[in-house]
């Protein structure tokens, strides 16, 4: 075996590697080493940053009671949202069919011990600690109460819309022609800042009509957000976002003649898209970008579906609160 290994090593060493290939191999090896060193440095910096952040969080409340009180006033939620199956309805005949799967939103409260919330207990006076701890508890309680109200508001709205649509469908059973109804609820966004629930409705009668409604909750406060809540009062956000959407529409139509939007129409100017409304549907995608969503036929012909427009952060960052 030793002789065999020795022979294989000698044969390997005799392999003639072109000089250019050698250089590429050496360069690749060196790059790998440099990258490894770089990653180690980055990792070290990360740990240093984490340590500094922890030191700041622990040290700031100890400086004075006002800082501790300000930190205690940071809005917090003591729980999480989840969607559970709530209502199912189905019907099928030769001319009519319906499939309804609607979820119910729940807010599950999680109470945290004071010890977990107070990281600097040993270094604060009793009065400072009590003041900060009470502020934290009050904000958690306030946020949780608001979250529960928001959940109730959303559920009531979805129930109202769903019940009306099912009632309209059942009334159509006595009528001639085809009728279809599909309703679903889906969680679109669930990150550190926002929770967005989407109610999707597809109605079919001669032709289809797809429309949606989005419910976005601010996890910091428990409030149900509208588009205007994201921007400052003097930001002129409607014009800024609307102009960006028009720009995207024109770019898409220029890139492909199959794309068509109700824009710059001379024959029917009344149908042209002019601006979004303050209650326009929106959500945030995985990259944290604002997405404006339209219903089918709202800004484009039916074959274009339900258009959505991603508003880049360099547009929204300048007008956000």
C-alpha atoms as a PDB file:
ATOM      1  CA  UNK A   1       0.000   0.000   0.000  1.00  0.00           C
ATOM      2  CA  UNK A   2       2.852   2.377   0.849  1.00  0.00           C
ATOM      3  CA  UNK A   3       4.489   1.674  -2.528  1.00  0.00           C
ATOM      4  CA  UNK A   4       1.198   2.294  -4.296  1.00  0.00           C
ATOM      5  CA  UNK A   5       0.685   5.638  -2.504  1.00  0.00           C
ATOM      6  CA  UNK A   6       4.261   6.655  -3.304  1.00  0.00           C
ATOM      7  CA  UNK A   7       3.792   5.792  -6.964  1.00  0.00           C
ATOM      8  CA  UNK A   8       0.529   7.775  -7.148  1.00  0.00           C
ATOM      9  CA  UNK A   9       2.236  10.773  -5.528  1.00  0.00           C
ATOM     10  CA  UNK A  10       5.083  10.635  -8.064  1.00  0.00           C
ATOM     11  CA  UNK A  11       2.620  10.448 -10.972  1.00  0.00           C
ATOM     12  CA  UNK A  12       0.648  13.410  -9.564  1.00  0.00           C
ATOM     13  CA  UNK A  13       3.823  15.495  -9.236  1.00  0.00           C
ATOM     14  CA  UNK A  14       4.698  14.774 -12.883  1.00  0.00           C
ATOM     15  CA  UNK A  15       1.443  16.305 -14.139  1.00  0.00           C
ATOM     16  CA  UNK A  16       2.302  19.357 -16.220  1.00  0.00           C
ATOM     17  CA  UNK A  17       0.072  22.248 -15.202  1.00  0.00           C
ATOM     18  CA  UNK A  18       0.160  25.213 -17.625  1.00  0.00           C
ATOM     19  CA  UNK A  19       1.647  28.335 -16.080  1.00  0.00           C
ATOM     20  CA  UNK A  20      -1.557  30.315 -16.686  1.00  0.00           C
ATOM     21  CA  UNK A  21      -3.582  27.678 -14.878  1.00  0.00           C
ATOM     22  CA  UNK A  22      -1.075  27.711 -12.035  1.00  0.00           C
ATOM     23  CA  UNK A  23      -1.450  31.452 -11.700  1.00  0.00           C
ATOM     24  CA  UNK A  24      -5.247  31.169 -11.631  1.00  0.00           C
ATOM     25  CA  UNK A  25      -5.050  28.452  -8.987  1.00  0.00           C
ATOM     26  CA  UNK A  26      -2.650  30.482  -6.851  1.00  0.00           C
ATOM     27  CA  UNK A  27      -4.788  33.606  -7.276  1.00  0.00           C
ATOM     28  CA  UNK A  28      -7.895  31.662  -6.329  1.00  0.00           C
ATOM     29  CA  UNK A  29      -6.182  30.223  -3.279  1.00  0.00           C
ATOM     30  CA  UNK A  30      -4.965  33.643  -2.204  1.00  0.00           C
ATOM     31  CA  UNK A  31      -8.435  35.134  -2.723  1.00  0.00           C
ATOM     32  CA  UNK A  32      -9.924  32.372  -0.605  1.00  0.00           C
ATOM     33  CA  UNK A  33      -7.411  33.072   2.161  1.00  0.00           C
ATOM     34  CA  UNK A  34      -8.086  36.808   1.970  1.00  0.00           C
ATOM     35  CA  UNK A  35     -11.827  36.211   2.005  1.00  0.00           C
ATOM     36  CA  UNK A  36     -11.456  33.984   5.035  1.00  0.00           C
ATOM     37  CA  UNK A  37      -9.456  36.655   6.854  1.00  0.00           C
ATOM     38  CA  UNK A  38     -12.026  39.268   5.815  1.00  0.00           C
ATOM     39  CA  UNK A  39     -14.894  37.177   7.171  1.00  0.00           C
ATOM     40  CA  UNK A  40     -13.032  36.722  10.443  1.00  0.00           C
ATOM     41  CA  UNK A  41     -12.531  40.483  10.714  1.00  0.00           C
ATOM     42  CA  UNK A  42     -16.184  41.169   9.891  1.00  0.00           C
ATOM     43  CA  UNK A  43     -17.267  38.596  12.454  1.00  0.00           C
ATOM     44  CA  UNK A  44     -15.007  40.223  15.033  1.00  0.00           C
ATOM     45  CA  UNK A  45     -16.450  43.647  14.231  1.00  0.00           C
ATOM     46  CA  UNK A  46     -19.951  42.239  14.568  1.00  0.00           C
ATOM     47  CA  UNK A  47     -19.224  40.893  18.017  1.00  0.00           C
ATOM     48  CA  UNK A  48     -17.654  44.210  18.970  1.00  0.00           C
ATOM     49  CA  UNK A  49     -20.779  45.995  17.700  1.00  0.00           C
ATOM     50  CA  UNK A  50     -23.053  43.663  19.628  1.00  0.00           C
ATOM     51  CA  UNK A  51     -21.020  44.159  22.771  1.00  0.00           C
ATOM     52  CA  UNK A  52     -21.113  47.935  22.318  1.00  0.00           C
ATOM     53  CA  UNK A  53     -24.865  47.868  21.755  1.00  0.00           C
ATOM     54  CA  UNK A  54     -25.406  45.778  24.863  1.00  0.00           C
ATOM     55  CA  UNK A  55     -23.218  48.119  26.849  1.00  0.00           C
ATOM     56  CA  UNK A  56     -25.222  51.079  25.592  1.00  0.00           C
ATOM     57  CA  UNK A  57     -28.560  49.458  26.392  1.00  0.00           C
ATOM     58  CA  UNK A  58     -27.378  48.508  29.851  1.00  0.00           C
ATOM     59  CA  UNK A  59     -25.529  51.725  30.539  1.00  0.00           C
ATOM     60  CA  UNK A  60     -27.965  54.338  29.261  1.00  0.00           C
ATOM     61  CA  UNK A  61     -30.680  53.701  31.849  1.00  0.00           C
ATOM     62  CA  UNK A  62     -28.079  54.061  34.578  1.00  0.00           C
ATOM     63  CA  UNK A  63     -27.114  57.586  33.550  1.00  0.00           C
ATOM     64  CA  UNK A  64     -30.269  59.196  34.815  1.00  0.00           C
ATOM     65  CA  UNK A  65     -33.921  58.534  35.417  1.00  0.00           C
ATOM     66  CA  UNK A  66     -35.072  60.647  32.452  1.00  0.00           C
ATOM     67  CA  UNK A  67     -33.169  58.444  29.964  1.00  0.00           C
ATOM     68  CA  UNK A  68     -34.558  55.335  31.589  1.00  0.00           C
ATOM     69  CA  UNK A  69     -38.036  56.784  31.450  1.00  0.00           C
ATOM     70  CA  UNK A  70     -37.620  57.662  27.766  1.00  0.00           C
ATOM     71  CA  UNK A  71     -36.523  54.107  27.008  1.00  0.00           C
ATOM     72  CA  UNK A  72     -39.449  52.810  28.958  1.00  0.00           C
ATOM     73  CA  UNK A  73     -41.749  54.841  26.755  1.00  0.00           C
ATOM     74  CA  UNK A  74     -40.659  53.004  23.629  1.00  0.00           C
ATOM     75  CA  UNK A  75     -43.820  51.370  22.175  1.00  0.00           C
ATOM     76  CA  UNK A  76     -43.823  47.621  22.613  1.00  0.00           C
ATOM     77  CA  UNK A  77     -46.217  44.759  22.006  1.00  0.00           C
ATOM     78  CA  UNK A  78     -46.320  41.864  24.359  1.00  0.00           C
ATOM     79  CA  UNK A  79     -47.631  39.282  21.904  1.00  0.00           C
ATOM     80  CA  UNK A  80     -47.992  38.181  18.302  1.00  0.00           C
ATOM     81  CA  UNK A  81     -50.583  37.860  15.546  1.00  0.00           C
ATOM     82  CA  UNK A  82     -51.721  34.676  13.890  1.00  0.00           C
ATOM     83  CA  UNK A  83     -54.332  33.627  11.349  1.00  0.00           C
ATOM     84  CA  UNK A  84     -56.561  30.649  12.125  1.00  0.00           C
ATOM     85  CA  UNK A  85     -59.255  28.967  10.015  1.00  0.00           C
ATOM     86  CA  UNK A  86     -62.571  30.540  10.830  1.00  0.00           C
ATOM     87  CA  UNK A  87     -65.159  30.232   8.087  1.00  0.00           C
ATOM     88  CA  UNK A  88     -65.505  27.798   5.218  1.00  0.00           C
ATOM     89  CA  UNK A  89     -68.288  27.733   2.675  1.00  0.00           C
ATOM     90  CA  UNK A  90     -68.630  25.756  -0.546  1.00  0.00           C
ATOM     91  CA  UNK A  91     -71.281  25.185  -3.174  1.00  0.00           C
ATOM     92  CA  UNK A  92     -71.216  23.557  -6.584  1.00  0.00           C
ATOM     93  CA  UNK A  93     -73.759  22.949  -9.301  1.00  0.00           C
ATOM     94  CA  UNK A  94     -73.731  22.983 -13.090  1.00  0.00           C
ATOM     95  CA  UNK A  95     -73.993  26.757 -13.158  1.00  0.00           C
ATOM     96  CA  UNK A  96     -72.807  27.951  -9.756  1.00  0.00           C
ATOM     97  CA  UNK A  97     -69.767  27.302  -7.609  1.00  0.00           C
ATOM     98  CA  UNK A  98     -68.285  28.911  -4.517  1.00  0.00           C
ATOM     99  CA  UNK A  99     -65.191  28.262  -2.409  1.00  0.00           C
ATOM    100  CA  UNK A 100     -64.699  30.368   0.692  1.00  0.00           C
ATOM    101  CA  UNK A 101     -61.818  29.875   3.124  1.00  0.00           C
ATOM    102  CA  UNK A 102     -61.603  32.862   5.416  1.00  0.00           C
ATOM    103  CA  UNK A 103     -59.272  33.075   8.392  1.00  0.00           C
ATOM    104  CA  UNK A 104     -59.774  34.848  11.672  1.00  0.00           C
ATOM    105  CA  UNK A 105     -57.007  37.015  13.049  1.00  0.00           C
ATOM    106  CA  UNK A 106     -55.967  36.442  16.648  1.00  0.00           C
ATOM    107  CA  UNK A 107     -53.662  38.334  18.953  1.00  0.00           C
ATOM    108  CA  UNK A 108     -51.834  36.070  21.375  1.00  0.00           C
ATOM    109  CA  UNK A 109     -50.506  38.011  24.332  1.00  0.00           C
ATOM    110  CA  UNK A 110     -47.141  37.069  25.790  1.00  0.00           C
ATOM    111  CA  UNK A 111     -46.339  38.514  29.140  1.00  0.00           C
ATOM    112  CA  UNK A 112     -42.696  39.110  29.966  1.00  0.00           C
ATOM    113  CA  UNK A 113     -41.286  39.081  33.442  1.00  0.00           C
ATOM    114  CA  UNK A 114     -39.959  42.350  34.700  1.00  0.00           C
ATOM    115  CA  UNK A 115     -36.523  40.766  35.071  1.00  0.00           C
ATOM    116  CA  UNK A 116     -36.388  40.152  31.313  1.00  0.00           C
ATOM    117  CA  UNK A 117     -37.333  43.734  30.508  1.00  0.00           C
ATOM    118  CA  UNK A 118     -35.034  45.363  33.047  1.00  0.00           C
ATOM    119  CA  UNK A 119     -31.449  44.613  32.156  1.00  0.00           C
ATOM    120  CA  UNK A 120     -29.885  47.084  34.559  1.00  0.00           C
ATOM    121  CA  UNK A 121     -31.793  46.327  37.728  1.00  0.00           C
ATOM    122  CA  UNK A 122     -28.777  46.091  39.983  1.00  0.00           C
ATOM    123  CA  UNK A 123     -27.378  49.494  38.971  1.00  0.00           C
ATOM    124  CA  UNK A 124     -30.528  51.561  39.387  1.00  0.00           C
ATOM    125  CA  UNK A 125     -32.088  53.036  42.448  1.00  0.00           C
ATOM    126  CA  UNK A 126     -35.374  51.584  43.556  1.00  0.00           C
ATOM    127  CA  UNK A 127     -37.286  54.667  42.458  1.00  0.00           C
ATOM    128  CA  UNK A 128     -35.607  54.744  39.026  1.00  0.00           C
ATOM    129  CA  UNK A 129     -36.222  51.081  38.455  1.00  0.00           C
ATOM    130  CA  UNK A 130     -39.857  51.310  39.542  1.00  0.00           C
ATOM    131  CA  UNK A 131     -40.439  54.311  37.286  1.00  0.00           C
ATOM    132  CA  UNK A 132     -38.902  52.661  34.222  1.00  0.00           C
ATOM    133  CA  UNK A 133     -40.492  49.296  34.895  1.00  0.00           C
ATOM    134  CA  UNK A 134     -43.931  50.861  35.262  1.00  0.00           C
ATOM    135  CA  UNK A 135     -43.469  52.798  32.014  1.00  0.00           C
ATOM    136  CA  UNK A 136     -42.516  49.623  30.140  1.00  0.00           C
ATOM    137  CA  UNK A 137     -45.444  47.706  31.573  1.00  0.00           C
ATOM    138  CA  UNK A 138     -47.858  50.520  30.746  1.00  0.00           C
ATOM    139  CA  UNK A 139     -46.678  50.682  27.140  1.00  0.00           C
ATOM    140  CA  UNK A 140     -46.859  46.926  26.719  1.00  0.00           C
ATOM    141  CA  UNK A 141     -50.370  46.940  28.146  1.00  0.00           C
ATOM    142  CA  UNK A 142     -51.424  49.894  25.999  1.00  0.00           C
ATOM    143  CA  UNK A 143     -50.008  48.325  22.836  1.00  0.00           C
ATOM    144  CA  UNK A 144     -51.625  44.975  23.588  1.00  0.00           C
ATOM    145  CA  UNK A 145     -55.014  46.577  24.191  1.00  0.00           C
ATOM    146  CA  UNK A 146     -54.765  48.489  20.919  1.00  0.00           C
ATOM    147  CA  UNK A 147     -53.690  45.323  19.073  1.00  0.00           C
ATOM    148  CA  UNK A 148     -56.745  43.483  20.368  1.00  0.00           C
ATOM    149  CA  UNK A 149     -59.014  46.339  19.214  1.00  0.00           C
ATOM    150  CA  UNK A 150     -57.366  46.324  15.794  1.00  0.00           C
ATOM    151  CA  UNK A 151     -57.792  42.563  15.451  1.00  0.00           C
ATOM    152  CA  UNK A 152     -61.462  42.870  16.367  1.00  0.00           C
ATOM    153  CA  UNK A 153     -61.902  45.670  13.822  1.00  0.00           C
ATOM    154  CA  UNK A 154     -60.271  43.652  11.024  1.00  0.00           C
ATOM    155  CA  UNK A 155     -62.270  40.504  11.807  1.00  0.00           C
ATOM    156  CA  UNK A 156     -65.529  42.433  11.825  1.00  0.00           C
ATOM    157  CA  UNK A 157     -64.711  44.037   8.485  1.00  0.00           C
ATOM    158  CA  UNK A 158     -63.778  40.717   6.861  1.00  0.00           C
ATOM    159  CA  UNK A 159     -66.887  39.050   8.282  1.00  0.00           C
ATOM    160  CA  UNK A 160     -69.084  41.845   6.948  1.00  0.00           C
ATOM    161  CA  UNK A 161     -67.586  41.669   3.448  1.00  0.00           C
ATOM    162  CA  UNK A 162     -67.667  37.855   3.343  1.00  0.00           C
ATOM    163  CA  UNK A 163     -71.262  37.595   4.585  1.00  0.00           C
ATOM    164  CA  UNK A 164     -72.462  40.106   1.989  1.00  0.00           C
ATOM    165  CA  UNK A 165     -70.674  38.295  -0.848  1.00  0.00           C
ATOM    166  CA  UNK A 166     -72.078  34.910   0.195  1.00  0.00           C
ATOM    167  CA  UNK A 167     -75.565  36.403   0.503  1.00  0.00           C
ATOM    168  CA  UNK A 168     -75.281  37.873  -3.018  1.00  0.00           C
ATOM    169  CA  UNK A 169     -74.076  34.506  -4.335  1.00  0.00           C
ATOM    170  CA  UNK A 170     -76.960  32.597  -2.735  1.00  0.00           C
ATOM    171  CA  UNK A 171     -79.406  35.090  -4.166  1.00  0.00           C
ATOM    172  CA  UNK A 172     -77.970  34.426  -7.627  1.00  0.00           C
ATOM    173  CA  UNK A 173     -78.830  30.715  -7.324  1.00  0.00           C
ATOM    174  CA  UNK A 174     -82.364  31.599  -8.394  1.00  0.00           C
ATOM    175  CA  UNK A 175     -81.095  33.365 -11.484  1.00  0.00           C
ATOM    176  CA  UNK A 176     -80.002  32.027 -14.847  1.00  0.00           C
ATOM    177  CA  UNK A 177     -76.409  32.117 -15.951  1.00  0.00           C
ATOM    178  CA  UNK A 178     -73.122  31.174 -14.340  1.00  0.00           C
ATOM    179  CA  UNK A 179     -71.866  32.592 -11.077  1.00  0.00           C
ATOM    180  CA  UNK A 180     -68.632  31.887  -9.255  1.00  0.00           C
ATOM    181  CA  UNK A 181     -67.197  33.122  -5.975  1.00  0.00           C
ATOM    182  CA  UNK A 182     -63.792  32.511  -4.392  1.00  0.00           C
ATOM    183  CA  UNK A 183     -62.626  34.169  -1.171  1.00  0.00           C
ATOM    184  CA  UNK A 184     -59.324  33.638   0.637  1.00  0.00           C
ATOM    185  CA  UNK A 185     -57.245  35.261   3.352  1.00  0.00           C
ATOM    186  CA  UNK A 186     -53.440  35.167   3.357  1.00  0.00           C
ATOM    187  CA  UNK A 187     -50.634  36.627   5.440  1.00  0.00           C
ATOM    188  CA  UNK A 188     -48.559  38.770   3.076  1.00  0.00           C
ATOM    189  CA  UNK A 189     -46.132  40.389   5.515  1.00  0.00           C
ATOM    190  CA  UNK A 190     -44.978  39.293   8.957  1.00  0.00           C
ATOM    191  CA  UNK A 191     -41.722  40.972   9.915  1.00  0.00           C
ATOM    192  CA  UNK A 192     -40.399  42.949  12.881  1.00  0.00           C
ATOM    193  CA  UNK A 193     -42.376  46.072  11.963  1.00  0.00           C
ATOM    194  CA  UNK A 194     -45.542  45.054  10.135  1.00  0.00           C
ATOM    195  CA  UNK A 195     -48.173  42.355   9.867  1.00  0.00           C
ATOM    196  CA  UNK A 196     -50.309  42.442   6.701  1.00  0.00           C
ATOM    197  CA  UNK A 197     -53.377  40.334   6.031  1.00  0.00           C
ATOM    198  CA  UNK A 198     -54.821  40.130   2.514  1.00  0.00           C
ATOM    199  CA  UNK A 199     -58.464  39.409   1.717  1.00  0.00           C
ATOM    200  CA  UNK A 200     -58.767  38.189  -1.898  1.00  0.00           C
ATOM    201  CA  UNK A 201     -62.072  37.980  -3.764  1.00  0.00           C
ATOM    202  CA  UNK A 202     -62.724  36.568  -7.242  1.00  0.00           C
ATOM    203  CA  UNK A 203     -66.231  37.016  -8.612  1.00  0.00           C
ATOM    204  CA  UNK A 204     -67.189  35.403 -11.921  1.00  0.00           C
ATOM    205  CA  UNK A 205     -70.319  36.303 -13.819  1.00  0.00           C
ATOM    206  CA  UNK A 206     -69.864  36.336 -17.601  1.00  0.00           C
ATOM    207  CA  UNK A 207     -66.355  37.616 -16.866  1.00  0.00           C
ATOM    208  CA  UNK A 208     -64.117  37.594 -13.822  1.00  0.00           C
ATOM    209  CA  UNK A 209     -63.450  40.400 -11.407  1.00  0.00           C
ATOM    210  CA  UNK A 210     -60.604  40.112  -8.905  1.00  0.00           C
ATOM    211  CA  UNK A 211     -60.312  42.541  -6.021  1.00  0.00           C
ATOM    212  CA  UNK A 212     -58.410  42.573  -2.741  1.00  0.00           C
ATOM    213  CA  UNK A 213     -58.171  44.407   0.539  1.00  0.00           C
ATOM    214  CA  UNK A 214     -55.050  44.710   2.659  1.00  0.00           C
ATOM    215  CA  UNK A 215     -54.889  45.192   6.421  1.00  0.00           C
ATOM    216  CA  UNK A 216     -51.493  46.330   7.737  1.00  0.00           C
ATOM    217  CA  UNK A 217     -50.819  46.450  11.474  1.00  0.00           C
ATOM    218  CA  UNK A 218     -47.996  48.444  13.023  1.00  0.00           C
ATOM    219  CA  UNK A 219     -46.395  45.998  15.459  1.00  0.00           C
ATOM    220  CA  UNK A 220     -44.916  48.824  17.514  1.00  0.00           C
ATOM    221  CA  UNK A 221     -48.298  50.293  18.433  1.00  0.00           C
ATOM    222  CA  UNK A 222     -50.931  47.750  17.431  1.00  0.00           C
ATOM    223  CA  UNK A 223     -52.591  50.323  15.158  1.00  0.00           C
ATOM    224  CA  UNK A 224     -54.190  49.544  11.819  1.00  0.00           C
ATOM    225  CA  UNK A 225     -52.298  51.661   9.312  1.00  0.00           C
ATOM    226  CA  UNK A 226     -53.512  53.631   6.347  1.00  0.00           C
ATOM    227  CA  UNK A 227     -51.148  54.933   3.691  1.00  0.00           C
ATOM    228  CA  UNK A 228     -51.181  58.465   5.090  1.00  0.00           C
ATOM    229  CA  UNK A 229     -49.902  57.176   8.452  1.00  0.00           C
ATOM    230  CA  UNK A 230     -46.549  56.343   6.847  1.00  0.00           C
ATOM    231  CA  UNK A 231     -45.710  59.848   5.686  1.00  0.00           C
ATOM    232  CA  UNK A 232     -45.378  63.334   7.088  1.00  0.00           C
ATOM    233  CA  UNK A 233     -48.207  65.839   6.764  1.00  0.00           C
ATOM    234  CA  UNK A 234     -46.219  68.083   4.411  1.00  0.00           C
ATOM    235  CA  UNK A 235     -44.632  65.239   2.438  1.00  0.00           C
ATOM    236  CA  UNK A 236     -47.003  65.444  -0.561  1.00  0.00           C
ATOM    237  CA  UNK A 237     -46.809  61.649  -0.609  1.00  0.00           C
ATOM    238  CA  UNK A 238     -49.818  61.232  -2.933  1.00  0.00           C
ATOM    239  CA  UNK A 239     -48.163  63.213  -5.740  1.00  0.00           C
ATOM    240  CA  UNK A 240     -44.729  61.638  -5.181  1.00  0.00           C
ATOM    241  CA  UNK A 241     -45.997  58.052  -5.250  1.00  0.00           C
ATOM    242  CA  UNK A 242     -48.492  58.706  -8.054  1.00  0.00           C
ATOM    243  CA  UNK A 243     -45.793  60.234 -10.273  1.00  0.00           C
ATOM    244  CA  UNK A 244     -43.577  57.198  -9.658  1.00  0.00           C
ATOM    245  CA  UNK A 245     -46.403  54.829 -10.601  1.00  0.00           C
ATOM    246  CA  UNK A 246     -47.070  56.783 -13.814  1.00  0.00           C
ATOM    247  CA  UNK A 247     -43.371  56.572 -14.642  1.00  0.00           C
ATOM    248  CA  UNK A 248     -43.427  52.799 -14.164  1.00  0.00           C
ATOM    249  CA  UNK A 249     -46.574  52.499 -16.292  1.00  0.00           C
ATOM    250  CA  UNK A 250     -44.987  54.411 -19.167  1.00  0.00           C
ATOM    251  CA  UNK A 251     -41.762  52.396 -18.914  1.00  0.00           C
ATOM    252  CA  UNK A 252     -43.675  49.101 -19.015  1.00  0.00           C
ATOM    253  CA  UNK A 253     -45.773  50.175 -21.994  1.00  0.00           C
ATOM    254  CA  UNK A 254     -42.674  51.356 -23.843  1.00  0.00           C
ATOM    255  CA  UNK A 255     -40.899  48.062 -23.157  1.00  0.00           C
ATOM    256  CA  UNK A 256     -43.776  45.855 -24.346  1.00  0.00           C
ATOM    257  CA  UNK A 257     -46.739  46.971 -26.444  1.00  0.00           C
ATOM    258  CA  UNK A 258     -48.832  44.219 -24.821  1.00  0.00           C
ATOM    259  CA  UNK A 259     -48.714  46.200 -21.576  1.00  0.00           C
ATOM    260  CA  UNK A 260     -51.553  48.636 -21.343  1.00  0.00           C
ATOM    261  CA  UNK A 261     -52.619  51.073 -18.618  1.00  0.00           C
ATOM    262  CA  UNK A 262     -55.325  53.699 -18.464  1.00  0.00           C
ATOM    263  CA  UNK A 263     -52.898  56.556 -18.908  1.00  0.00           C
ATOM    264  CA  UNK A 264     -52.500  59.364 -21.432  1.00  0.00           C
ATOM    265  CA  UNK A 265     -55.725  58.309 -23.178  1.00  0.00           C
ATOM    266  CA  UNK A 266     -57.039  61.106 -25.390  1.00  0.00           C
ATOM    267  CA  UNK A 267     -60.265  59.405 -26.459  1.00  0.00           C
ATOM    268  CA  UNK A 268     -61.407  58.536 -22.933  1.00  0.00           C
ATOM    269  CA  UNK A 269     -59.489  60.847 -20.589  1.00  0.00           C
ATOM    270  CA  UNK A 270     -62.004  60.256 -17.797  1.00  0.00           C
ATOM    271  CA  UNK A 271     -60.580  56.737 -17.375  1.00  0.00           C
ATOM    272  CA  UNK A 272     -56.970  57.887 -17.048  1.00  0.00           C
ATOM    273  CA  UNK A 273     -55.139  57.176 -13.812  1.00  0.00           C
ATOM    274  CA  UNK A 274     -54.400  60.491 -12.133  1.00  0.00           C
ATOM    275  CA  UNK A 275     -53.419  59.746  -8.537  1.00  0.00           C
ATOM    276  CA  UNK A 276     -53.713  57.240  -5.728  1.00  0.00           C
ATOM    277  CA  UNK A 277     -56.146  57.846  -2.894  1.00  0.00           C
ATOM    278  CA  UNK A 278     -55.191  58.291   0.784  1.00  0.00           C
ATOM    279  CA  UNK A 279     -56.742  54.875   1.509  1.00  0.00           C
ATOM    280  CA  UNK A 280     -54.990  53.063  -1.357  1.00  0.00           C
ATOM    281  CA  UNK A 281     -54.190  49.405  -0.707  1.00  0.00           C
ATOM    282  CA  UNK A 282     -50.562  48.717   0.158  1.00  0.00           C
ATOM    283  CA  UNK A 283     -48.180  46.302   1.834  1.00  0.00           C
ATOM    284  CA  UNK A 284     -44.442  45.856   2.340  1.00  0.00           C
ATOM    285  CA  UNK A 285     -42.527  43.150   0.458  1.00  0.00           C
ATOM    286  CA  UNK A 286     -39.660  41.042   1.807  1.00  0.00           C
ATOM    287  CA  UNK A 287     -37.176  43.800   0.977  1.00  0.00           C
ATOM    288  CA  UNK A 288     -39.147  46.297   3.034  1.00  0.00           C
ATOM    289  CA  UNK A 289     -40.301  48.204  -0.055  1.00  0.00           C
ATOM    290  CA  UNK A 290     -43.734  49.758  -0.270  1.00  0.00           C
ATOM    291  CA  UNK A 291     -46.057  48.058  -2.770  1.00  0.00           C
ATOM    292  CA  UNK A 292     -49.200  49.806  -4.054  1.00  0.00           C
ATOM    293  CA  UNK A 293     -51.871  47.317  -5.141  1.00  0.00           C
ATOM    294  CA  UNK A 294     -54.772  47.965  -7.523  1.00  0.00           C
ATOM    295  CA  UNK A 295     -57.879  45.927  -8.254  1.00  0.00           C
ATOM    296  CA  UNK A 296     -58.543  44.386 -11.646  1.00  0.00           C
ATOM    297  CA  UNK A 297     -59.838  46.983 -14.165  1.00  0.00           C
ATOM    298  CA  UNK A 298     -58.929  49.829 -11.805  1.00  0.00           C
ATOM    299  CA  UNK A 299     -55.958  51.168 -13.780  1.00  0.00           C
ATOM    300  CA  UNK A 300     -55.673  48.698 -16.656  1.00  0.00           C
ATOM    301  CA  UNK A 301     -57.708  46.346 -18.876  1.00  0.00           C
ATOM    302  CA  UNK A 302     -58.787  43.028 -17.368  1.00  0.00           C
ATOM    303  CA  UNK A 303     -56.092  40.993 -19.145  1.00  0.00           C
ATOM    304  CA  UNK A 304     -53.472  42.907 -17.121  1.00  0.00           C
ATOM    305  CA  UNK A 305     -54.834  41.356 -13.933  1.00  0.00           C
ATOM    306  CA  UNK A 306     -54.505  43.228 -10.637  1.00  0.00           C
ATOM    307  CA  UNK A 307     -51.423  45.449 -11.115  1.00  0.00           C
ATOM    308  CA  UNK A 308     -48.962  46.128  -8.322  1.00  0.00           C
ATOM    309  CA  UNK A 309     -46.198  48.710  -8.258  1.00  0.00           C
ATOM    310  CA  UNK A 310     -43.110  48.520  -6.062  1.00  0.00           C
ATOM    311  CA  UNK A 311     -42.054  51.952  -4.872  1.00  0.00           C
ATOM    312  CA  UNK A 312     -38.292  52.015  -4.414  1.00  0.00           C
ATOM    313  CA  UNK A 313     -36.887  53.041  -1.058  1.00  0.00           C
ATOM    314  CA  UNK A 314     -35.039  55.997  -2.549  1.00  0.00           C
ATOM    315  CA  UNK A 315     -38.489  57.411  -3.351  1.00  0.00           C
ATOM    316  CA  UNK A 316     -40.215  56.706  -0.035  1.00  0.00           C
ATOM    317  CA  UNK A 317     -37.281  57.357   2.305  1.00  0.00           C
ATOM    318  CA  UNK A 318     -37.353  61.070   1.529  1.00  0.00           C
ATOM    319  CA  UNK A 319     -41.017  61.438   2.539  1.00  0.00           C
ATOM    320  CA  UNK A 320     -41.440  58.816   5.272  1.00  0.00           C
ATOM    321  CA  UNK A 321     -42.009  59.815   8.855  1.00  0.00           C
END
